[in-house]
Amino acid sequence: MKLGKKMQIGTASLALFVLGACASGPLSNREKGALIGGGVGAGSGALIGEAAAGAPGAGAAIGGAAGAIGGALVGDERDRQERYE
């Protein structure tokens, strides 16, 4: 059963990267940061959620959301710096 959950998490992370690659144009730093942060956050959150509470789905959701927000903020700052250089 645990292998199935890990496969679901891996599949969801892969889907994020595939969807990001299908964008019609080049991604901004904000978009890249949100995708990468969301993927890393979901994977980390699932591992932590499984170890701490036995709920990898909840951990993945919380970690993915937090990672996406953090990544978007960092990417947005990079976009701002590039505009003013």
PDB file of N, CA and C in Angstrom:
ATOM      1  N   MET A   1       0.812  -1.190   0.000  1.00  0.00           N
ATOM      2  CA  MET A   1       0.000   0.000   0.000  1.00  0.00           C
ATOM      3  C   MET A   1       0.863   1.265   0.000  1.00  0.00           C
ATOM      4  N   LYS A   2       1.969   1.254   0.735  1.00  0.00           N
ATOM      5  CA  LYS A   2       2.832   2.431   0.783  1.00  0.00           C
ATOM      6  C   LYS A   2       3.471   2.709  -0.568  1.00  0.00           C
ATOM      7  N   LEU A   3       3.795   1.673  -1.311  1.00  0.00           N
ATOM      8  CA  LEU A   3       4.374   1.873  -2.632  1.00  0.00           C
ATOM      9  C   LEU A   3       3.384   2.575  -3.542  1.00  0.00           C
ATOM     10  N   GLY A   4       2.108   2.253  -3.420  1.00  0.00           N
ATOM     11  CA  GLY A   4       1.080   2.889  -4.232  1.00  0.00           C
ATOM     12  C   GLY A   4       0.993   4.386  -3.965  1.00  0.00           C
ATOM     13  N   LYS A   5       1.089   4.779  -2.704  1.00  0.00           N
ATOM     14  CA  LYS A   5       1.035   6.196  -2.357  1.00  0.00           C
ATOM     15  C   LYS A   5       2.255   6.931  -2.898  1.00  0.00           C
ATOM     16  N   LYS A   6       3.416   6.296  -2.806  1.00  0.00           N
ATOM     17  CA  LYS A   6       4.626   6.924  -3.329  1.00  0.00           C
ATOM     18  C   LYS A   6       4.543   7.069  -4.844  1.00  0.00           C
ATOM     19  N   MET A   7       3.951   6.091  -5.498  1.00  0.00           N
ATOM     20  CA  MET A   7       3.780   6.178  -6.958  1.00  0.00           C
ATOM     21  C   MET A   7       2.839   7.321  -7.317  1.00  0.00           C
ATOM     22  N   GLN A   8       1.777   7.515  -6.542  1.00  0.00           N
ATOM     23  CA  GLN A   8       0.845   8.607  -6.795  1.00  0.00           C
ATOM     24  C   GLN A   8       1.532   9.953  -6.637  1.00  0.00           C
ATOM     25  N   ILE A   9       2.348  10.078  -5.626  1.00  0.00           N
ATOM     26  CA  ILE A   9       3.055  11.334  -5.386  1.00  0.00           C
ATOM     27  C   ILE A   9       4.047  11.597  -6.519  1.00  0.00           C
ATOM     28  N   GLY A  10       4.769  10.566  -6.917  1.00  0.00           N
ATOM     29  CA  GLY A  10       5.714  10.721  -8.031  1.00  0.00           C
ATOM     30  C   GLY A  10       5.002  11.090  -9.320  1.00  0.00           C
ATOM     31  N   THR A  11       3.856  10.478  -9.565  1.00  0.00           N
ATOM     32  CA  THR A  11       3.085  10.773 -10.768  1.00  0.00           C
ATOM     33  C   THR A  11       2.581  12.210 -10.742  1.00  0.00           C
ATOM     34  N   ALA A  12       2.106  12.659  -9.588  1.00  0.00           N
ATOM     35  CA  ALA A  12       1.618  14.037  -9.481  1.00  0.00           C
ATOM     36  C   ALA A  12       2.750  15.040  -9.702  1.00  0.00           C
ATOM     37  N   SER A  13       3.925  14.757  -9.153  1.00  0.00           N
ATOM     38  CA  SER A  13       5.068  15.651  -9.360  1.00  0.00           C
ATOM     39  C   SER A  13       5.481  15.690 -10.828  1.00  0.00           C
ATOM     40  N   LEU A  14       5.487  14.539 -11.462  1.00  0.00           N
ATOM     41  CA  LEU A  14       5.823  14.479 -12.882  1.00  0.00           C
ATOM     42  C   LEU A  14       4.803  15.247 -13.711  1.00  0.00           C
ATOM     43  N   ALA A  15       3.541  15.149 -13.339  1.00  0.00           N
ATOM     44  CA  ALA A  15       2.497  15.867 -14.066  1.00  0.00           C
ATOM     45  C   ALA A  15       2.702  17.375 -13.989  1.00  0.00           C
ATOM     46  N   LEU A  16       3.152  17.869 -12.837  1.00  0.00           N
ATOM     47  CA  LEU A  16       3.427  19.303 -12.711  1.00  0.00           C
ATOM     48  C   LEU A  16       4.488  19.755 -13.705  1.00  0.00           C
ATOM     49  N   PHE A  17       5.551  18.976 -13.822  1.00  0.00           N
ATOM     50  CA  PHE A  17       6.624  19.346 -14.736  1.00  0.00           C
ATOM     51  C   PHE A  17       6.179  19.227 -16.193  1.00  0.00           C
ATOM     52  N   VAL A  18       5.399  18.212 -16.510  1.00  0.00           N
ATOM     53  CA  VAL A  18       4.921  18.046 -17.890  1.00  0.00           C
ATOM     54  C   VAL A  18       3.987  19.184 -18.263  1.00  0.00           C
ATOM     55  N   LEU A  19       3.084  19.552 -17.370  1.00  0.00           N
ATOM     56  CA  LEU A  19       2.178  20.658 -17.658  1.00  0.00           C
ATOM     57  C   LEU A  19       2.939  21.971 -17.813  1.00  0.00           C
ATOM     58  N   GLY A  20       3.975  22.147 -17.033  1.00  0.00           N
ATOM     59  CA  GLY A  20       4.794  23.350 -17.158  1.00  0.00           C
ATOM     60  C   GLY A  20       5.508  23.414 -18.488  1.00  0.00           C
ATOM     61  N   ALA A  21       5.893  22.273 -19.012  1.00  0.00           N
ATOM     62  CA  ALA A  21       6.591  22.231 -20.290  1.00  0.00           C
ATOM     63  C   ALA A  21       5.647  22.498 -21.456  1.00  0.00           C
ATOM     64  N   CYS A  22       4.360  22.367 -21.248  1.00  0.00           N
ATOM     65  CA  CYS A  22       3.387  22.558 -22.324  1.00  0.00           C
ATOM     66  C   CYS A  22       2.932  24.001 -22.468  1.00  0.00           C
ATOM     67  N   ALA A  23       3.535  24.918 -21.762  1.00  0.00           N
ATOM     68  CA  ALA A  23       3.141  26.316 -21.850  1.00  0.00           C
ATOM     69  C   ALA A  23       3.369  26.833 -23.265  1.00  0.00           C
ATOM     70  N   SER A  24       2.539  27.788 -23.674  1.00  0.00           N
ATOM     71  CA  SER A  24       2.618  28.294 -25.042  1.00  0.00           C
ATOM     72  C   SER A  24       3.854  29.142 -25.290  1.00  0.00           C
ATOM     73  N   GLY A  25       4.425  29.706 -24.281  1.00  0.00           N
ATOM     74  CA  GLY A  25       5.613  30.535 -24.439  1.00  0.00           C
ATOM     75  C   GLY A  25       6.581  30.253 -23.311  1.00  0.00           C
ATOM     76  N   PRO A  26       7.682  30.989 -23.282  1.00  0.00           N
ATOM     77  CA  PRO A  26       8.640  30.776 -22.191  1.00  0.00           C
ATOM     78  C   PRO A  26       8.018  31.172 -20.851  1.00  0.00           C
ATOM     79  N   LEU A  27       8.353  30.427 -19.837  1.00  0.00           N
ATOM     80  CA  LEU A  27       7.806  30.696 -18.513  1.00  0.00           C
ATOM     81  C   LEU A  27       8.583  31.822 -17.844  1.00  0.00           C
ATOM     82  N   SER A  28       7.859  32.620 -17.075  1.00  0.00           N
ATOM     83  CA  SER A  28       8.524  33.655 -16.297  1.00  0.00           C
ATOM     84  C   SER A  28       9.184  32.994 -15.091  1.00  0.00           C
ATOM     85  N   ASN A  29      10.040  33.736 -14.425  1.00  0.00           N
ATOM     86  CA  ASN A  29      10.676  33.208 -13.224  1.00  0.00           C
ATOM     87  C   ASN A  29       9.636  32.882 -12.153  1.00  0.00           C
ATOM     88  N   ARG A  30       8.569  33.678 -12.084  1.00  0.00           N
ATOM     89  CA  ARG A  30       7.508  33.419 -11.114  1.00  0.00           C
ATOM     90  C   ARG A  30       6.843  32.083 -11.394  1.00  0.00           C
ATOM     91  N   GLU A  31       6.539  31.811 -12.663  1.00  0.00           N
ATOM     92  CA  GLU A  31       5.889  30.554 -13.033  1.00  0.00           C
ATOM     93  C   GLU A  31       6.807  29.356 -12.795  1.00  0.00           C
ATOM     94  N   LYS A  32       8.078  29.523 -13.159  1.00  0.00           N
ATOM     95  CA  LYS A  32       9.041  28.441 -12.906  1.00  0.00           C
ATOM     96  C   LYS A  32       9.163  28.163 -11.418  1.00  0.00           C
ATOM     97  N   GLY A  33       9.260  29.222 -10.634  1.00  0.00           N
ATOM     98  CA  GLY A  33       9.387  29.066  -9.192  1.00  0.00           C
ATOM     99  C   GLY A  33       8.176  28.383  -8.579  1.00  0.00           C
ATOM    100  N   ALA A  34       6.984  28.745  -9.048  1.00  0.00           N
ATOM    101  CA  ALA A  34       5.768  28.126  -8.524  1.00  0.00           C
ATOM    102  C   ALA A  34       5.720  26.640  -8.861  1.00  0.00           C
ATOM    103  N   LEU A  35       6.091  26.288 -10.085  1.00  0.00           N
ATOM    104  CA  LEU A  35       6.083  24.879 -10.482  1.00  0.00           C
ATOM    105  C   LEU A  35       7.113  24.061  -9.706  1.00  0.00           C
ATOM    106  N   ILE A  36       8.316  24.567  -9.644  1.00  0.00           N
ATOM    107  CA  ILE A  36       9.366  23.831  -8.938  1.00  0.00           C
ATOM    108  C   ILE A  36       9.067  23.771  -7.443  1.00  0.00           C
ATOM    109  N   GLY A  37       8.677  24.904  -6.873  1.00  0.00           N
ATOM    110  CA  GLY A  37       8.354  24.923  -5.444  1.00  0.00           C
ATOM    111  C   GLY A  37       7.181  24.024  -5.102  1.00  0.00           C
ATOM    112  N   GLY A  38       6.175  24.009  -5.962  1.00  0.00           N
ATOM    113  CA  GLY A  38       5.023  23.141  -5.731  1.00  0.00           C
ATOM    114  C   GLY A  38       5.384  21.673  -5.780  1.00  0.00           C
ATOM    115  N   GLY A  39       6.213  21.307  -6.747  1.00  0.00           N
ATOM    116  CA  GLY A  39       6.638  19.905  -6.862  1.00  0.00           C
ATOM    117  C   GLY A  39       7.490  19.454  -5.695  1.00  0.00           C
ATOM    118  N   VAL A  40       8.460  20.281  -5.341  1.00  0.00           N
ATOM    119  CA  VAL A  40       9.338  19.939  -4.216  1.00  0.00           C
ATOM    120  C   VAL A  40       8.542  19.943  -2.906  1.00  0.00           C
ATOM    121  N   GLY A  41       7.670  20.937  -2.754  1.00  0.00           N
ATOM    122  CA  GLY A  41       6.858  21.015  -1.537  1.00  0.00           C
ATOM    123  C   GLY A  41       5.907  19.845  -1.394  1.00  0.00           C
ATOM    124  N   ALA A  42       5.313  19.408  -2.498  1.00  0.00           N
ATOM    125  CA  ALA A  42       4.391  18.267  -2.445  1.00  0.00           C
ATOM    126  C   ALA A  42       5.131  16.989  -2.065  1.00  0.00           C
ATOM    127  N   GLY A  43       6.289  16.776  -2.660  1.00  0.00           N
ATOM    128  CA  GLY A  43       7.071  15.587  -2.326  1.00  0.00           C
ATOM    129  C   GLY A  43       7.535  15.594  -0.881  1.00  0.00           C
ATOM    130  N   SER A  44       8.061  16.721  -0.447  1.00  0.00           N
ATOM    131  CA  SER A  44       8.534  16.838   0.937  1.00  0.00           C
ATOM    132  C   SER A  44       7.380  16.722   1.923  1.00  0.00           C
ATOM    133  N   GLY A  45       6.287  17.395   1.602  1.00  0.00           N
ATOM    134  CA  GLY A  45       5.122  17.350   2.483  1.00  0.00           C
ATOM    135  C   GLY A  45       4.550  15.952   2.609  1.00  0.00           C
ATOM    136  N   ALA A  46       4.567  15.192   1.528  1.00  0.00           N
ATOM    137  CA  ALA A  46       4.072  13.816   1.581  1.00  0.00           C
ATOM    138  C   ALA A  46       4.938  12.957   2.482  1.00  0.00           C
ATOM    139  N   LEU A  47       6.247  13.117   2.366  1.00  0.00           N
ATOM    140  CA  LEU A  47       7.153  12.348   3.230  1.00  0.00           C
ATOM    141  C   LEU A  47       6.979  12.729   4.693  1.00  0.00           C
ATOM    142  N   ILE A  48       6.898  14.015   4.964  1.00  0.00           N
ATOM    143  CA  ILE A  48       6.736  14.474   6.340  1.00  0.00           C
ATOM    144  C   ILE A  48       5.362  14.081   6.873  1.00  0.00           C
ATOM    145  N   GLY A  49       4.326  14.239   6.042  1.00  0.00           N
ATOM    146  CA  GLY A  49       2.979  13.871   6.458  1.00  0.00           C
ATOM    147  C   GLY A  49       2.850  12.392   6.779  1.00  0.00           C
ATOM    148  N   GLU A  50       3.521  11.555   6.001  1.00  0.00           N
ATOM    149  CA  GLU A  50       3.497  10.112   6.253  1.00  0.00           C
ATOM    150  C   GLU A  50       4.201   9.788   7.563  1.00  0.00           C
ATOM    151  N   ALA A  51       5.344  10.386   7.788  1.00  0.00           N
ATOM    152  CA  ALA A  51       6.126  10.086   8.988  1.00  0.00           C
ATOM    153  C   ALA A  51       5.470  10.657  10.244  1.00  0.00           C
ATOM    154  N   ALA A  52       4.924  11.858  10.152  1.00  0.00           N
ATOM    155  CA  ALA A  52       4.404  12.522  11.343  1.00  0.00           C
ATOM    156  C   ALA A  52       2.978  12.106  11.694  1.00  0.00           C
ATOM    157  N   ALA A  53       2.123  11.991  10.684  1.00  0.00           N
ATOM    158  CA  ALA A  53       0.713  11.763  10.984  1.00  0.00           C
ATOM    159  C   ALA A  53       0.109  10.591  10.228  1.00  0.00           C
ATOM    160  N   GLY A  54       0.869   9.966   9.347  1.00  0.00           N
ATOM    161  CA  GLY A  54       0.323   8.877   8.553  1.00  0.00           C
ATOM    162  C   GLY A  54      -0.637   9.365   7.481  1.00  0.00           C
ATOM    163  N   ALA A  55      -0.500  10.633   7.083  1.00  0.00           N
ATOM    164  CA  ALA A  55      -1.395  11.222   6.090  1.00  0.00           C
ATOM    165  C   ALA A  55      -0.578  11.898   5.000  1.00  0.00           C
ATOM    166  N   PRO A  56      -0.050  11.122   4.046  1.00  0.00           N
ATOM    167  CA  PRO A  56       0.779  11.740   3.015  1.00  0.00           C
ATOM    168  C   PRO A  56       0.001  12.663   2.078  1.00  0.00           C
ATOM    169  N   GLY A  57      -1.263  12.390   1.881  1.00  0.00           N
ATOM    170  CA  GLY A  57      -2.064  13.252   1.001  1.00  0.00           C
ATOM    171  C   GLY A  57      -2.211  14.657   1.543  1.00  0.00           C
ATOM    172  N   ALA A  58      -2.515  14.752   2.828  1.00  0.00           N
ATOM    173  CA  ALA A  58      -2.641  16.066   3.455  1.00  0.00           C
ATOM    174  C   ALA A  58      -1.295  16.784   3.468  1.00  0.00           C
ATOM    175  N   GLY A  59      -0.240  16.049   3.771  1.00  0.00           N
ATOM    176  CA  GLY A  59       1.090  16.654   3.762  1.00  0.00           C
ATOM    177  C   GLY A  59       1.478  17.154   2.387  1.00  0.00           C
ATOM    178  N   ALA A  60       1.134  16.375   1.347  1.00  0.00           N
ATOM    179  CA  ALA A  60       1.444  16.780  -0.025  1.00  0.00           C
ATOM    180  C   ALA A  60       0.668  18.031  -0.412  1.00  0.00           C
ATOM    181  N   ALA A  61      -0.588  18.102  -0.021  1.00  0.00           N
ATOM    182  CA  ALA A  61      -1.402  19.271  -0.354  1.00  0.00           C
ATOM    183  C   ALA A  61      -0.876  20.530   0.328  1.00  0.00           C
ATOM    184  N   ILE A  62      -0.585  20.409   1.600  1.00  0.00           N
ATOM    185  CA  ILE A  62      -0.079  21.568   2.349  1.00  0.00           C
ATOM    186  C   ILE A  62       1.312  21.960   1.851  1.00  0.00           C
ATOM    187  N   GLY A  63       2.190  20.974   1.696  1.00  0.00           N
ATOM    188  CA  GLY A  63       3.540  21.258   1.220  1.00  0.00           C
ATOM    189  C   GLY A  63       3.549  21.817  -0.194  1.00  0.00           C
ATOM    190  N   GLY A  64       2.694  21.279  -1.057  1.00  0.00           N
ATOM    191  CA  GLY A  64       2.620  21.770  -2.432  1.00  0.00           C
ATOM    192  C   GLY A  64       2.151  23.212  -2.497  1.00  0.00           C
ATOM    193  N   ALA A  65       1.134  23.530  -1.705  1.00  0.00           N
ATOM    194  CA  ALA A  65       0.634  24.909  -1.687  1.00  0.00           C
ATOM    195  C   ALA A  65       1.688  25.871  -1.141  1.00  0.00           C
ATOM    196  N   ALA A  66       2.310  25.496  -0.038  1.00  0.00           N
ATOM    197  CA  ALA A  66       3.336  26.359   0.552  1.00  0.00           C
ATOM    198  C   ALA A  66       4.528  26.514  -0.385  1.00  0.00           C
ATOM    199  N   GLY A  67       4.941  25.418  -1.017  1.00  0.00           N
ATOM    200  CA  GLY A  67       6.060  25.488  -1.958  1.00  0.00           C
ATOM    201  C   GLY A  67       5.753  26.330  -3.171  1.00  0.00           C
ATOM    202  N   ALA A  68       4.541  26.209  -3.690  1.00  0.00           N
ATOM    203  CA  ALA A  68       4.161  27.002  -4.858  1.00  0.00           C
ATOM    204  C   ALA A  68       4.138  28.495  -4.534  1.00  0.00           C
ATOM    205  N   ILE A  69       3.610  28.833  -3.370  1.00  0.00           N
ATOM    206  CA  ILE A  69       3.566  30.245  -2.966  1.00  0.00           C
ATOM    207  C   ILE A  69       4.978  30.778  -2.759  1.00  0.00           C
ATOM    208  N   GLY A  70       5.790  30.025  -2.036  1.00  0.00           N
ATOM    209  CA  GLY A  70       7.175  30.460  -1.802  1.00  0.00           C
ATOM    210  C   GLY A  70       7.966  30.575  -3.089  1.00  0.00           C
ATOM    211  N   GLY A  71       7.824  29.595  -3.969  1.00  0.00           N
ATOM    212  CA  GLY A  71       8.522  29.640  -5.250  1.00  0.00           C
ATOM    213  C   GLY A  71       8.088  30.802  -6.112  1.00  0.00           C
ATOM    214  N   ALA A  72       6.787  31.090  -6.096  1.00  0.00           N
ATOM    215  CA  ALA A  72       6.277  32.216  -6.877  1.00  0.00           C
ATOM    216  C   ALA A  72       6.823  33.544  -6.344  1.00  0.00           C
ATOM    217  N   LEU A  73       6.918  33.659  -5.029  1.00  0.00           N
ATOM    218  CA  LEU A  73       7.450  34.894  -4.444  1.00  0.00           C
ATOM    219  C   LEU A  73       8.919  35.101  -4.811  1.00  0.00           C
ATOM    220  N   VAL A  74       9.696  34.037  -4.736  1.00  0.00           N
ATOM    221  CA  VAL A  74      11.109  34.132  -5.100  1.00  0.00           C
ATOM    222  C   VAL A  74      11.256  34.449  -6.587  1.00  0.00           C
ATOM    223  N   GLY A  75      10.482  33.774  -7.422  1.00  0.00           N
ATOM    224  CA  GLY A  75      10.530  34.027  -8.865  1.00  0.00           C
ATOM    225  C   GLY A  75      10.099  35.431  -9.224  1.00  0.00           C
ATOM    226  N   ASP A  76       9.098  35.946  -8.514  1.00  0.00           N
ATOM    227  CA  ASP A  76       8.633  37.309  -8.765  1.00  0.00           C
ATOM    228  C   ASP A  76       9.729  38.320  -8.448  1.00  0.00           C
ATOM    229  N   GLU A  77      10.453  38.074  -7.382  1.00  0.00           N
ATOM    230  CA  GLU A  77      11.567  38.965  -7.035  1.00  0.00           C
ATOM    231  C   GLU A  77      12.655  38.920  -8.104  1.00  0.00           C
ATOM    232  N   ARG A  78      12.922  37.740  -8.640  1.00  0.00           N
ATOM    233  CA  ARG A  78      13.903  37.636  -9.730  1.00  0.00           C
ATOM    234  C   ARG A  78      13.429  38.391 -10.969  1.00  0.00           C
ATOM    235  N   ASP A  79      12.134  38.292 -11.275  1.00  0.00           N
ATOM    236  CA  ASP A  79      11.596  39.039 -12.423  1.00  0.00           C
ATOM    237  C   ASP A  79      11.778  40.538 -12.211  1.00  0.00           C
ATOM    238  N   ARG A  80      11.518  41.012 -10.991  1.00  0.00           N
ATOM    239  CA  ARG A  80      11.690  42.431 -10.685  1.00  0.00           C
ATOM    240  C   ARG A  80      13.130  42.870 -10.848  1.00  0.00           C
ATOM    241  N   GLN A  81      14.062  42.050 -10.373  1.00  0.00           N
ATOM    242  CA  GLN A  81      15.479  42.388 -10.501  1.00  0.00           C
ATOM    243  C   GLN A  81      15.901  42.449 -11.955  1.00  0.00           C
ATOM    244  N   GLU A  82      15.404  41.531 -12.767  1.00  0.00           N
ATOM    245  CA  GLU A  82      15.775  41.529 -14.204  1.00  0.00           C
ATOM    246  C   GLU A  82      15.219  42.754 -14.911  1.00  0.00           C
ATOM    247  N   ARG A  83      14.050  43.223 -14.511  1.00  0.00           N
ATOM    248  CA  ARG A  83      13.466  44.418 -15.145  1.00  0.00           C
ATOM    249  C   ARG A  83      14.284  45.659 -14.870  1.00  0.00           C
ATOM    250  N   TYR A  84      14.860  45.743 -13.679  1.00  0.00           N
ATOM    251  CA  TYR A  84      15.587  46.956 -13.296  1.00  0.00           C
ATOM    252  C   TYR A  84      17.078  46.890 -13.562  1.00  0.00           C
ATOM    253  N   GLU A  85      17.571  45.826 -14.153  1.00  0.00           N
ATOM    254  CA  GLU A  85      19.003  45.732 -14.460  1.00  0.00           C
ATOM    255  C   GLU A  85      19.307  46.346 -15.793  1.00  0.00           C
TER     256      GLU A  85
END
